[in-house]
Amino acid sequence: MFYVYAQNNSNARFDFDKEAGITHYVVIEADNADEADIRAFEIGLYFGFAPSDCSHCGSRWKLAEESRLDPEETIEPHMFLVEDVPSNRDFVGKKEMCVHYLNGTKEWF
């Protein structure tokens, strides 16, 4: 299954880390939501407020179960990409989605 983490633009900025694979949308392949959250944390996502987050805007990331677009469905990355990823000039080279596969590889879109 694939879990989509959509980054909140907290404090009027997005985090981007090409090496870690952090961008506007981070997609993680995992067997369940708990595993996806663990992998997301290892990549560098965090859940809850960080000192750099805006108390008005909210925290930057939500746990997988809080982020699911439809609790009855899983999402394949290409399905999400085609319909839901907007163009956003804030990201270098339009790298707005990074898919982290179970085998450890990453793919950028």
C-alpha atoms as a PDB file:
ATOM      1  CA  MET A   1       0.000   0.000   0.000  1.00  0.00           C
ATOM      2  CA  PHE A   2       1.062   3.588  -0.517  1.00  0.00           C
ATOM      3  CA  TYR A   3       0.563   6.309   2.069  1.00  0.00           C
ATOM      4  CA  VAL A   4       0.565   9.951   1.025  1.00  0.00           C
ATOM      5  CA  TYR A   5       1.930  12.644   3.326  1.00  0.00           C
ATOM      6  CA  ALA A   6       0.960  16.120   2.112  1.00  0.00           C
ATOM      7  CA  GLN A   7       3.121  18.838   3.611  1.00  0.00           C
ATOM      8  CA  ASN A   8       1.346  21.757   5.271  1.00  0.00           C
ATOM      9  CA  ASN A   9       2.871  25.106   4.357  1.00  0.00           C
ATOM     10  CA  SER A  10       3.488  25.930   8.017  1.00  0.00           C
ATOM     11  CA  ASN A  11       5.129  29.297   8.698  1.00  0.00           C
ATOM     12  CA  ALA A  12       4.744  30.168   4.997  1.00  0.00           C
ATOM     13  CA  ARG A  13       7.468  27.801   3.833  1.00  0.00           C
ATOM     14  CA  PHE A  14       7.844  24.221   2.659  1.00  0.00           C
ATOM     15  CA  ASP A  15      10.655  21.876   3.634  1.00  0.00           C
ATOM     16  CA  PHE A  16      12.590  20.459   0.683  1.00  0.00           C
ATOM     17  CA  ASP A  17      15.431  17.952   1.049  1.00  0.00           C
ATOM     18  CA  LYS A  18      16.391  16.238  -2.194  1.00  0.00           C
ATOM     19  CA  GLU A  19      18.774  13.761  -0.549  1.00  0.00           C
ATOM     20  CA  ALA A  20      16.202  12.629   2.040  1.00  0.00           C
ATOM     21  CA  GLY A  21      13.315  12.679  -0.443  1.00  0.00           C
ATOM     22  CA  ILE A  22      11.251  15.319   1.357  1.00  0.00           C
ATOM     23  CA  THR A  23       9.085  17.620  -0.728  1.00  0.00           C
ATOM     24  CA  HIS A  24       5.455  18.769  -1.031  1.00  0.00           C
ATOM     25  CA  TYR A  25       4.087  15.206  -1.244  1.00  0.00           C
ATOM     26  CA  VAL A  26       5.954  12.272   0.275  1.00  0.00           C
ATOM     27  CA  VAL A  27       4.573   8.860  -0.689  1.00  0.00           C
ATOM     28  CA  ILE A  28       5.676   5.840   1.315  1.00  0.00           C
ATOM     29  CA  GLU A  29       5.107   2.216   0.411  1.00  0.00           C
ATOM     30  CA  ALA A  30       4.441   0.158   3.526  1.00  0.00           C
ATOM     31  CA  ASP A  31       2.399  -2.801   4.728  1.00  0.00           C
ATOM     32  CA  ASN A  32       0.319  -0.660   7.114  1.00  0.00           C
ATOM     33  CA  ALA A  33      -0.069   2.891   8.432  1.00  0.00           C
ATOM     34  CA  ASP A  34       2.114   2.334  11.505  1.00  0.00           C
ATOM     35  CA  GLU A  35       4.989   1.066   9.362  1.00  0.00           C
ATOM     36  CA  ALA A  36       4.535   4.010   6.991  1.00  0.00           C
ATOM     37  CA  ASP A  37       4.736   6.460   9.910  1.00  0.00           C
ATOM     38  CA  ILE A  38       7.933   4.829  11.183  1.00  0.00           C
ATOM     39  CA  ARG A  39       9.519   5.005   7.724  1.00  0.00           C
ATOM     40  CA  ALA A  40       8.351   8.621   7.343  1.00  0.00           C
ATOM     41  CA  PHE A  41       9.963   9.532  10.676  1.00  0.00           C
ATOM     42  CA  GLU A  42      13.214   7.830   9.636  1.00  0.00           C
ATOM     43  CA  ILE A  43      13.203   9.858   6.402  1.00  0.00           C
ATOM     44  CA  GLY A  44      12.823  13.096   8.369  1.00  0.00           C
ATOM     45  CA  LEU A  45       9.113  13.812   8.638  1.00  0.00           C
ATOM     46  CA  TYR A  46       7.796  14.626  12.102  1.00  0.00           C
ATOM     47  CA  PHE A  47       4.369  14.537  13.653  1.00  0.00           C
ATOM     48  CA  GLY A  48       3.158  17.184  16.082  1.00  0.00           C
ATOM     49  CA  PHE A  49       4.489  20.686  16.451  1.00  0.00           C
ATOM     50  CA  ALA A  50       8.128  21.609  15.963  1.00  0.00           C
ATOM     51  CA  PRO A  51       9.641  24.952  16.983  1.00  0.00           C
ATOM     52  CA  SER A  52       9.695  25.975  13.318  1.00  0.00           C
ATOM     53  CA  ASP A  53       5.935  25.402  12.908  1.00  0.00           C
ATOM     54  CA  CYS A  54       3.396  28.203  13.085  1.00  0.00           C
ATOM     55  CA  SER A  55       0.795  27.792  15.835  1.00  0.00           C
ATOM     56  CA  HIS A  56      -1.809  29.379  13.551  1.00  0.00           C
ATOM     57  CA  CYS A  57      -0.973  27.280  10.461  1.00  0.00           C
ATOM     58  CA  GLY A  58      -0.601  23.972  12.286  1.00  0.00           C
ATOM     59  CA  SER A  59       1.996  21.264  12.208  1.00  0.00           C
ATOM     60  CA  ARG A  60       3.780  20.404   8.977  1.00  0.00           C
ATOM     61  CA  TRP A  61       2.903  16.677   8.779  1.00  0.00           C
ATOM     62  CA  LYS A  62       0.043  14.385   9.859  1.00  0.00           C
ATOM     63  CA  LEU A  63       0.192  10.688  10.681  1.00  0.00           C
ATOM     64  CA  ALA A  64      -0.779   8.323   7.865  1.00  0.00           C
ATOM     65  CA  GLU A  65      -4.218   7.509   9.276  1.00  0.00           C
ATOM     66  CA  GLU A  66      -4.971  11.225   9.642  1.00  0.00           C
ATOM     67  CA  SER A  67      -3.794  11.867   6.083  1.00  0.00           C
ATOM     68  CA  ARG A  68      -5.650   9.142   4.199  1.00  0.00           C
ATOM     69  CA  LEU A  69      -7.726  10.560   1.401  1.00  0.00           C
ATOM     70  CA  ASP A  70     -10.219   7.693   1.661  1.00  0.00           C
ATOM     71  CA  PRO A  71      -9.957   5.216   4.547  1.00  0.00           C
ATOM     72  CA  GLU A  72     -11.398   2.428   2.386  1.00  0.00           C
ATOM     73  CA  GLU A  73      -8.885   2.815  -0.456  1.00  0.00           C
ATOM     74  CA  THR A  74      -5.172   2.688  -0.998  1.00  0.00           C
ATOM     75  CA  ILE A  75      -3.541   4.932  -3.553  1.00  0.00           C
ATOM     76  CA  GLU A  76      -1.070   4.010  -6.237  1.00  0.00           C
ATOM     77  CA  PRO A  77       1.420   6.862  -6.751  1.00  0.00           C
ATOM     78  CA  HIS A  78       0.687   7.275 -10.459  1.00  0.00           C
ATOM     79  CA  MET A  79      -3.045   7.674  -9.749  1.00  0.00           C
ATOM     80  CA  PHE A  80      -2.326  10.403  -7.225  1.00  0.00           C
ATOM     81  CA  LEU A  81       0.163  12.129  -9.498  1.00  0.00           C
ATOM     82  CA  VAL A  82      -2.094  12.378 -12.523  1.00  0.00           C
ATOM     83  CA  GLU A  83      -5.035  14.008 -10.775  1.00  0.00           C
ATOM     84  CA  ASP A  84      -3.890  15.696  -7.602  1.00  0.00           C
ATOM     85  CA  VAL A  85      -0.402  17.182  -7.759  1.00  0.00           C
ATOM     86  CA  PRO A  86      -0.600  20.884  -8.573  1.00  0.00           C
ATOM     87  CA  SER A  87       2.212  22.812 -10.142  1.00  0.00           C
ATOM     88  CA  ASN A  88       3.893  24.906  -7.454  1.00  0.00           C
ATOM     89  CA  ARG A  89       6.759  27.251  -8.212  1.00  0.00           C
ATOM     90  CA  ASP A  90       8.102  26.879  -4.646  1.00  0.00           C
ATOM     91  CA  PHE A  91       9.795  23.590  -5.492  1.00  0.00           C
ATOM     92  CA  VAL A  92      13.095  23.417  -7.300  1.00  0.00           C
ATOM     93  CA  GLY A  93      12.663  21.792 -10.687  1.00  0.00           C
ATOM     94  CA  LYS A  94       8.983  21.044  -9.920  1.00  0.00           C
ATOM     95  CA  LYS A  95       9.997  18.059  -7.782  1.00  0.00           C
ATOM     96  CA  GLU A  96       6.753  18.020  -5.830  1.00  0.00           C
ATOM     97  CA  MET A  97       6.423  14.312  -5.099  1.00  0.00           C
ATOM     98  CA  CYS A  98       8.879  11.691  -3.967  1.00  0.00           C
ATOM     99  CA  VAL A  99       7.825   8.047  -3.754  1.00  0.00           C
ATOM    100  CA  HIS A 100       9.757   5.900  -1.267  1.00  0.00           C
ATOM    101  CA  TYR A 101       9.450   2.234  -2.235  1.00  0.00           C
ATOM    102  CA  LEU A 102       9.801  -0.734   0.118  1.00  0.00           C
ATOM    103  CA  ASN A 103      13.077  -1.733  -1.532  1.00  0.00           C
ATOM    104  CA  GLY A 104      14.634   1.604  -0.502  1.00  0.00           C
ATOM    105  CA  THR A 105      14.582   3.300  -3.901  1.00  0.00           C
ATOM    106  CA  LYS A 106      13.074   6.734  -4.481  1.00  0.00           C
ATOM    107  CA  GLU A 107      11.340   8.117  -7.537  1.00  0.00           C
ATOM    108  CA  TRP A 108      10.741  11.838  -8.106  1.00  0.00           C
ATOM    109  CA  PHE A 109       7.864  13.444  -9.961  1.00  0.00           C
END
